[in-house]
Amino acid sequence: MWLQTATVGPEAARRLHDLAERHDRVLVDSPVLGTKKPAADGALTVLASGPDDALATARPVLEAIGARTLVVGDSAGPASALKLACNSWVASVTAAAAQALTLARVQGVDPGLFLEAIEGSAVDTPYAHLKGRAILDDDLTPSFGVDGVLKDLSLMLDAGADVMDTSLLQSVRDRFAAASAAGHGADDMAAVVVGFEPRD
């Protein structure tokens, strides 16, 4: 059995399934949600798709690495597709928080007040505070690096190109690409804030 836990996208997951079959192996497509600390704590969310019997056999391993497992389908691909959707949310929320903090700052307002303003409201989200605080503290210690997000955004654009409008994804990718080009590729994704700096 092969547990595939990387973010590869649904097309690559299907190719990995074919490779596994050629080597008489069963692939369980099982990308994970979470970064370094949840991984170290065994608190990831596992998105799993594969045959029922393979999922049952793999369950002890999935339970060891994750706090919960969400079964997405019975073949390779659906779990990887959902992972891209989830990572699109993570990238977009991070970029939106960076944009809001920058917009406050360039207007002469303490950017920290943005986080105070949304706290506890219907538009609040813990992730905005996590990445927003990292931006305010200039703490770019990598948890999920800018270049990793760029790779995932490229997979998202490929997956959505022929079936949806991807202009928002492209805009988010452009901001991460700008941060990478400015030398922040290995820094935490909070460095996307650099992508909002004024252009020359």
C-alpha atoms as a PDB file:
ATOM      1  CA  MET A   1       0.000   0.000   0.000  1.00  0.00           C
ATOM      2  CA  TRP A   2       1.101   3.544  -0.769  1.00  0.00           C
ATOM      3  CA  LEU A   3      -0.191   6.497   1.230  1.00  0.00           C
ATOM      4  CA  GLN A   4       0.313   9.616  -0.868  1.00  0.00           C
ATOM      5  CA  THR A   5       0.178  12.610   1.503  1.00  0.00           C
ATOM      6  CA  ALA A   6       1.640  15.435  -0.608  1.00  0.00           C
ATOM      7  CA  THR A   7      -0.245  18.194  -2.431  1.00  0.00           C
ATOM      8  CA  VAL A   8      -0.024  17.029  -6.042  1.00  0.00           C
ATOM      9  CA  GLY A   9      -3.444  17.818  -7.537  1.00  0.00           C
ATOM     10  CA  PRO A  10      -6.018  15.363  -8.879  1.00  0.00           C
ATOM     11  CA  GLU A  11      -4.384  14.743 -12.251  1.00  0.00           C
ATOM     12  CA  ALA A  12      -1.076  13.758 -10.668  1.00  0.00           C
ATOM     13  CA  ALA A  13      -2.917  11.655  -8.073  1.00  0.00           C
ATOM     14  CA  ARG A  14      -4.470   9.648 -10.895  1.00  0.00           C
ATOM     15  CA  ARG A  15      -1.034   9.201 -12.495  1.00  0.00           C
ATOM     16  CA  LEU A  16       0.321   7.999  -9.149  1.00  0.00           C
ATOM     17  CA  HIS A  17      -2.607   5.553  -8.967  1.00  0.00           C
ATOM     18  CA  ASP A  18      -1.613   4.145 -12.362  1.00  0.00           C
ATOM     19  CA  LEU A  19       2.025   3.908 -11.238  1.00  0.00           C
ATOM     20  CA  ALA A  20       0.961   2.075  -8.077  1.00  0.00           C
ATOM     21  CA  GLU A  21      -1.102  -0.400 -10.111  1.00  0.00           C
ATOM     22  CA  ARG A  22       1.848  -1.116 -12.400  1.00  0.00           C
ATOM     23  CA  HIS A  23       3.846  -2.069  -9.292  1.00  0.00           C
ATOM     24  CA  ASP A  24       1.026  -4.114  -7.746  1.00  0.00           C
ATOM     25  CA  ARG A  25       0.343  -1.555  -5.025  1.00  0.00           C
ATOM     26  CA  VAL A  26      -2.841   0.136  -3.831  1.00  0.00           C
ATOM     27  CA  LEU A  27      -2.744   3.929  -3.622  1.00  0.00           C
ATOM     28  CA  VAL A  28      -4.572   5.774  -0.887  1.00  0.00           C
ATOM     29  CA  ASP A  29      -4.677   9.422  -1.889  1.00  0.00           C
ATOM     30  CA  SER A  30      -4.347  11.108   1.509  1.00  0.00           C
ATOM     31  CA  PRO A  31      -3.115  14.716   1.446  1.00  0.00           C
ATOM     32  CA  VAL A  32      -3.201  16.506   4.776  1.00  0.00           C
ATOM     33  CA  LEU A  33      -4.354  19.887   6.066  1.00  0.00           C
ATOM     34  CA  GLY A  34      -2.049  21.539   8.553  1.00  0.00           C
ATOM     35  CA  THR A  35       1.506  22.732   8.903  1.00  0.00           C
ATOM     36  CA  LYS A  36       4.548  21.885  11.015  1.00  0.00           C
ATOM     37  CA  LYS A  37       3.060  22.136  14.504  1.00  0.00           C
ATOM     38  CA  PRO A  38      -0.116  20.124  13.761  1.00  0.00           C
ATOM     39  CA  ALA A  39       2.070  17.551  12.002  1.00  0.00           C
ATOM     40  CA  ALA A  40       4.382  17.275  15.025  1.00  0.00           C
ATOM     41  CA  ASP A  41       1.351  16.977  17.313  1.00  0.00           C
ATOM     42  CA  GLY A  42      -0.399  14.350  15.158  1.00  0.00           C
ATOM     43  CA  ALA A  43      -3.235  16.853  14.740  1.00  0.00           C
ATOM     44  CA  LEU A  44      -3.486  17.107  10.964  1.00  0.00           C
ATOM     45  CA  THR A  45      -6.732  16.664   9.061  1.00  0.00           C
ATOM     46  CA  VAL A  46      -6.340  13.855   6.549  1.00  0.00           C
ATOM     47  CA  LEU A  47      -8.340  13.988   3.317  1.00  0.00           C
ATOM     48  CA  ALA A  48      -8.493  10.413   2.072  1.00  0.00           C
ATOM     49  CA  SER A  49      -9.778   8.700  -1.029  1.00  0.00           C
ATOM     50  CA  GLY A  50      -9.274   5.124  -2.113  1.00  0.00           C
ATOM     51  CA  PRO A  51     -10.901   1.680  -1.990  1.00  0.00           C
ATOM     52  CA  ASP A  52     -12.823   0.960   1.236  1.00  0.00           C
ATOM     53  CA  ASP A  53     -10.646  -1.998   2.214  1.00  0.00           C
ATOM     54  CA  ALA A  54      -7.453   0.020   1.668  1.00  0.00           C
ATOM     55  CA  LEU A  55      -8.834   2.893   3.742  1.00  0.00           C
ATOM     56  CA  ALA A  56      -9.689   0.446   6.526  1.00  0.00           C
ATOM     57  CA  THR A  57      -6.172  -1.022   6.456  1.00  0.00           C
ATOM     58  CA  ALA A  58      -4.600   2.443   6.400  1.00  0.00           C
ATOM     59  CA  ARG A  59      -6.777   3.859   9.183  1.00  0.00           C
ATOM     60  CA  PRO A  60      -4.279   3.235  12.063  1.00  0.00           C
ATOM     61  CA  VAL A  61      -1.625   5.214  10.193  1.00  0.00           C
ATOM     62  CA  LEU A  62      -4.072   7.961   9.245  1.00  0.00           C
ATOM     63  CA  GLU A  63      -5.199   8.203  12.870  1.00  0.00           C
ATOM     64  CA  ALA A  64      -1.578   8.432  14.024  1.00  0.00           C
ATOM     65  CA  ILE A  65      -0.800  11.427  11.808  1.00  0.00           C
ATOM     66  CA  GLY A  66      -4.164  13.174  12.012  1.00  0.00           C
ATOM     67  CA  ALA A  67      -6.759  14.202  14.530  1.00  0.00           C
ATOM     68  CA  ARG A  68      -9.457  13.324  12.020  1.00  0.00           C
ATOM     69  CA  THR A  69      -9.835  11.713   8.620  1.00  0.00           C
ATOM     70  CA  LEU A  70     -12.379  12.895   6.074  1.00  0.00           C
ATOM     71  CA  VAL A  71     -13.140  10.217   3.473  1.00  0.00           C
ATOM     72  CA  VAL A  72     -13.708  11.958   0.155  1.00  0.00           C
ATOM     73  CA  GLY A  73     -14.143   9.144  -2.351  1.00  0.00           C
ATOM     74  CA  ASP A  74     -13.239   5.619  -3.368  1.00  0.00           C
ATOM     75  CA  SER A  75     -10.625   6.418  -6.027  1.00  0.00           C
ATOM     76  CA  ALA A  76      -7.468   8.478  -6.436  1.00  0.00           C
ATOM     77  CA  GLY A  77      -8.092  12.134  -7.168  1.00  0.00           C
ATOM     78  CA  PRO A  78     -11.012  13.430  -5.069  1.00  0.00           C
ATOM     79  CA  ALA A  79      -8.901  13.918  -1.930  1.00  0.00           C
ATOM     80  CA  SER A  80      -6.263  15.807  -3.898  1.00  0.00           C
ATOM     81  CA  ALA A  81      -8.967  17.921  -5.539  1.00  0.00           C
ATOM     82  CA  LEU A  82     -10.403  18.858  -2.139  1.00  0.00           C
ATOM     83  CA  LYS A  83      -6.896  19.664  -0.880  1.00  0.00           C
ATOM     84  CA  LEU A  84      -6.520  22.244  -3.651  1.00  0.00           C
ATOM     85  CA  ALA A  85      -9.867  23.797  -2.723  1.00  0.00           C
ATOM     86  CA  CYS A  86      -8.806  23.996   0.929  1.00  0.00           C
ATOM     87  CA  ASN A  87      -5.427  25.484   0.078  1.00  0.00           C
ATOM     88  CA  SER A  88      -7.107  28.047  -2.171  1.00  0.00           C
ATOM     89  CA  TRP A  89      -8.964  29.228   0.928  1.00  0.00           C
ATOM     90  CA  VAL A  90      -5.767  29.352   3.013  1.00  0.00           C
ATOM     91  CA  ALA A  91      -3.872  31.313   0.348  1.00  0.00           C
ATOM     92  CA  SER A  92      -6.767  33.693  -0.252  1.00  0.00           C
ATOM     93  CA  VAL A  93      -7.374  34.416   3.441  1.00  0.00           C
ATOM     94  CA  THR A  94      -3.670  35.073   3.988  1.00  0.00           C
ATOM     95  CA  ALA A  95      -3.470  37.393   0.981  1.00  0.00           C
ATOM     96  CA  ALA A  96      -6.678  39.168   2.021  1.00  0.00           C
ATOM     97  CA  ALA A  97      -5.360  39.733   5.543  1.00  0.00           C
ATOM     98  CA  ALA A  98      -2.109  41.117   4.121  1.00  0.00           C
ATOM     99  CA  GLN A  99      -4.073  43.389   1.804  1.00  0.00           C
ATOM    100  CA  ALA A 100      -6.291  44.710   4.612  1.00  0.00           C
ATOM    101  CA  LEU A 101      -3.335  45.371   6.918  1.00  0.00           C
ATOM    102  CA  THR A 102      -1.468  47.153   4.123  1.00  0.00           C
ATOM    103  CA  LEU A 103      -4.513  49.214   3.161  1.00  0.00           C
ATOM    104  CA  ALA A 104      -4.915  50.367   6.759  1.00  0.00           C
ATOM    105  CA  ARG A 105      -1.202  51.212   7.036  1.00  0.00           C
ATOM    106  CA  VAL A 106      -0.944  53.208   3.806  1.00  0.00           C
ATOM    107  CA  GLN A 107      -3.945  55.286   4.904  1.00  0.00           C
ATOM    108  CA  GLY A 108      -2.224  56.162   8.163  1.00  0.00           C
ATOM    109  CA  VAL A 109      -4.251  53.827  10.369  1.00  0.00           C
ATOM    110  CA  ASP A 110      -2.647  51.419  12.852  1.00  0.00           C
ATOM    111  CA  PRO A 111      -2.953  48.112  10.944  1.00  0.00           C
ATOM    112  CA  GLY A 112      -3.393  46.198  14.188  1.00  0.00           C
ATOM    113  CA  LEU A 113      -6.790  47.861  14.510  1.00  0.00           C
ATOM    114  CA  PHE A 114      -7.989  45.795  11.551  1.00  0.00           C
ATOM    115  CA  LEU A 115      -7.598  42.619  13.587  1.00  0.00           C
ATOM    116  CA  GLU A 116      -9.332  44.273  16.544  1.00  0.00           C
ATOM    117  CA  ALA A 117     -12.186  45.433  14.312  1.00  0.00           C
ATOM    118  CA  ILE A 118     -13.008  41.968  12.951  1.00  0.00           C
ATOM    119  CA  GLU A 119     -12.465  40.108  16.234  1.00  0.00           C
ATOM    120  CA  GLY A 120     -15.560  38.200  17.317  1.00  0.00           C
ATOM    121  CA  SER A 121     -17.627  39.410  14.357  1.00  0.00           C
ATOM    122  CA  ALA A 122     -19.290  37.369  11.635  1.00  0.00           C
ATOM    123  CA  VAL A 123     -16.330  38.059   9.320  1.00  0.00           C
ATOM    124  CA  ASP A 124     -13.681  36.971  11.830  1.00  0.00           C
ATOM    125  CA  THR A 125     -11.500  33.927  11.286  1.00  0.00           C
ATOM    126  CA  PRO A 126      -8.684  32.620  13.499  1.00  0.00           C
ATOM    127  CA  TYR A 127      -6.409  32.253  10.481  1.00  0.00           C
ATOM    128  CA  ALA A 128      -6.582  35.995   9.744  1.00  0.00           C
ATOM    129  CA  HIS A 129      -5.292  36.620  13.269  1.00  0.00           C
ATOM    130  CA  LEU A 130      -2.589  33.952  12.997  1.00  0.00           C
ATOM    131  CA  LYS A 131      -1.141  35.303   9.756  1.00  0.00           C
ATOM    132  CA  GLY A 132      -2.046  38.927  10.517  1.00  0.00           C
ATOM    133  CA  ARG A 133      -0.131  38.798  13.785  1.00  0.00           C
ATOM    134  CA  ALA A 134       2.858  37.244  11.989  1.00  0.00           C
ATOM    135  CA  ILE A 135       2.765  40.126   9.498  1.00  0.00           C
ATOM    136  CA  LEU A 136       2.520  42.766  12.227  1.00  0.00           C
ATOM    137  CA  ASP A 137       5.359  41.167  14.196  1.00  0.00           C
ATOM    138  CA  ASP A 138       7.428  40.684  11.018  1.00  0.00           C
ATOM    139  CA  ASP A 139       7.755  37.031  12.010  1.00  0.00           C
ATOM    140  CA  LEU A 140       8.244  35.144   8.767  1.00  0.00           C
ATOM    141  CA  THR A 141       9.535  31.922  10.322  1.00  0.00           C
ATOM    142  CA  PRO A 142       8.349  29.367   7.760  1.00  0.00           C
ATOM    143  CA  SER A 143       5.400  27.169   8.560  1.00  0.00           C
ATOM    144  CA  PHE A 144       4.142  27.010   4.958  1.00  0.00           C
ATOM    145  CA  GLY A 145       6.565  28.761   2.625  1.00  0.00           C
ATOM    146  CA  VAL A 146       5.722  31.251  -0.120  1.00  0.00           C
ATOM    147  CA  ASP A 147       7.173  29.015  -2.850  1.00  0.00           C
ATOM    148  CA  GLY A 148       5.100  26.061  -1.625  1.00  0.00           C
ATOM    149  CA  VAL A 149       1.970  28.199  -1.870  1.00  0.00           C
ATOM    150  CA  LEU A 150       3.020  29.273  -5.372  1.00  0.00           C
ATOM    151  CA  LYS A 151       3.339  25.624  -6.426  1.00  0.00           C
ATOM    152  CA  ASP A 152      -0.123  24.859  -5.053  1.00  0.00           C
ATOM    153  CA  LEU A 153      -1.670  27.925  -6.703  1.00  0.00           C
ATOM    154  CA  SER A 154      -0.271  26.758 -10.037  1.00  0.00           C
ATOM    155  CA  LEU A 155      -1.940  23.381  -9.486  1.00  0.00           C
ATOM    156  CA  MET A 156      -5.213  25.173  -8.659  1.00  0.00           C
ATOM    157  CA  LEU A 157      -5.019  27.263 -11.823  1.00  0.00           C
ATOM    158  CA  ASP A 158      -4.373  24.121 -13.884  1.00  0.00           C
ATOM    159  CA  ALA A 159      -7.300  22.310 -12.249  1.00  0.00           C
ATOM    160  CA  GLY A 160      -9.731  25.178 -12.762  1.00  0.00           C
ATOM    161  CA  ALA A 161      -8.537  26.583 -16.080  1.00  0.00           C
ATOM    162  CA  ASP A 162     -11.174  25.029 -18.334  1.00  0.00           C
ATOM    163  CA  VAL A 163     -14.079  24.799 -15.900  1.00  0.00           C
ATOM    164  CA  MET A 164     -14.257  28.098 -13.961  1.00  0.00           C
ATOM    165  CA  ASP A 165     -13.114  31.698 -13.856  1.00  0.00           C
ATOM    166  CA  THR A 166      -9.708  31.638 -12.187  1.00  0.00           C
ATOM    167  CA  SER A 167      -9.040  35.386 -12.137  1.00  0.00           C
ATOM    168  CA  LEU A 168      -9.102  35.604  -8.325  1.00  0.00           C
ATOM    169  CA  LEU A 169      -6.700  32.662  -8.029  1.00  0.00           C
ATOM    170  CA  GLN A 170      -4.447  34.312 -10.594  1.00  0.00           C
ATOM    171  CA  SER A 171      -4.446  37.570  -8.643  1.00  0.00           C
ATOM    172  CA  VAL A 172      -3.590  35.749  -5.403  1.00  0.00           C
ATOM    173  CA  ARG A 173      -0.821  33.875  -7.226  1.00  0.00           C
ATOM    174  CA  ASP A 174       0.552  37.160  -8.567  1.00  0.00           C
ATOM    175  CA  ARG A 175       0.906  38.548  -5.018  1.00  0.00           C
ATOM    176  CA  PHE A 176       2.750  35.428  -3.834  1.00  0.00           C
ATOM    177  CA  ALA A 177       4.917  35.514  -6.963  1.00  0.00           C
ATOM    178  CA  ALA A 178       5.838  39.129  -6.186  1.00  0.00           C
ATOM    179  CA  ALA A 179       6.845  38.140  -2.648  1.00  0.00           C
ATOM    180  CA  SER A 180       8.950  35.274  -4.014  1.00  0.00           C
ATOM    181  CA  ALA A 181      10.608  37.537  -6.582  1.00  0.00           C
ATOM    182  CA  ALA A 182      11.479  39.935  -3.741  1.00  0.00           C
ATOM    183  CA  GLY A 183      13.484  37.155  -2.075  1.00  0.00           C
ATOM    184  CA  HIS A 184      10.872  35.720   0.298  1.00  0.00           C
ATOM    185  CA  GLY A 185      10.306  32.339  -1.362  1.00  0.00           C
ATOM    186  CA  ALA A 186      11.533  30.384   1.662  1.00  0.00           C
ATOM    187  CA  ASP A 187       9.742  32.602   4.193  1.00  0.00           C
ATOM    188  CA  ASP A 188       6.329  31.905   5.658  1.00  0.00           C
ATOM    189  CA  MET A 189       3.353  32.618   3.456  1.00  0.00           C
ATOM    190  CA  ALA A 190       2.667  35.691   5.601  1.00  0.00           C
ATOM    191  CA  ALA A 191       5.429  37.281   3.502  1.00  0.00           C
ATOM    192  CA  VAL A 192       2.782  37.730   0.805  1.00  0.00           C
ATOM    193  CA  VAL A 193       2.392  41.165   2.410  1.00  0.00           C
ATOM    194  CA  VAL A 194       5.528  42.149   0.440  1.00  0.00           C
ATOM    195  CA  GLY A 195       3.491  41.586  -2.717  1.00  0.00           C
ATOM    196  CA  PHE A 196       1.321  44.561  -1.765  1.00  0.00           C
ATOM    197  CA  GLU A 197       4.184  47.038  -1.532  1.00  0.00           C
ATOM    198  CA  PRO A 198       3.910  50.010  -3.912  1.00  0.00           C
ATOM    199  CA  ARG A 199       5.226  49.350  -7.388  1.00  0.00           C
ATOM    200  CA  ASP A 200       8.131  51.350  -8.792  1.00  0.00           C
END
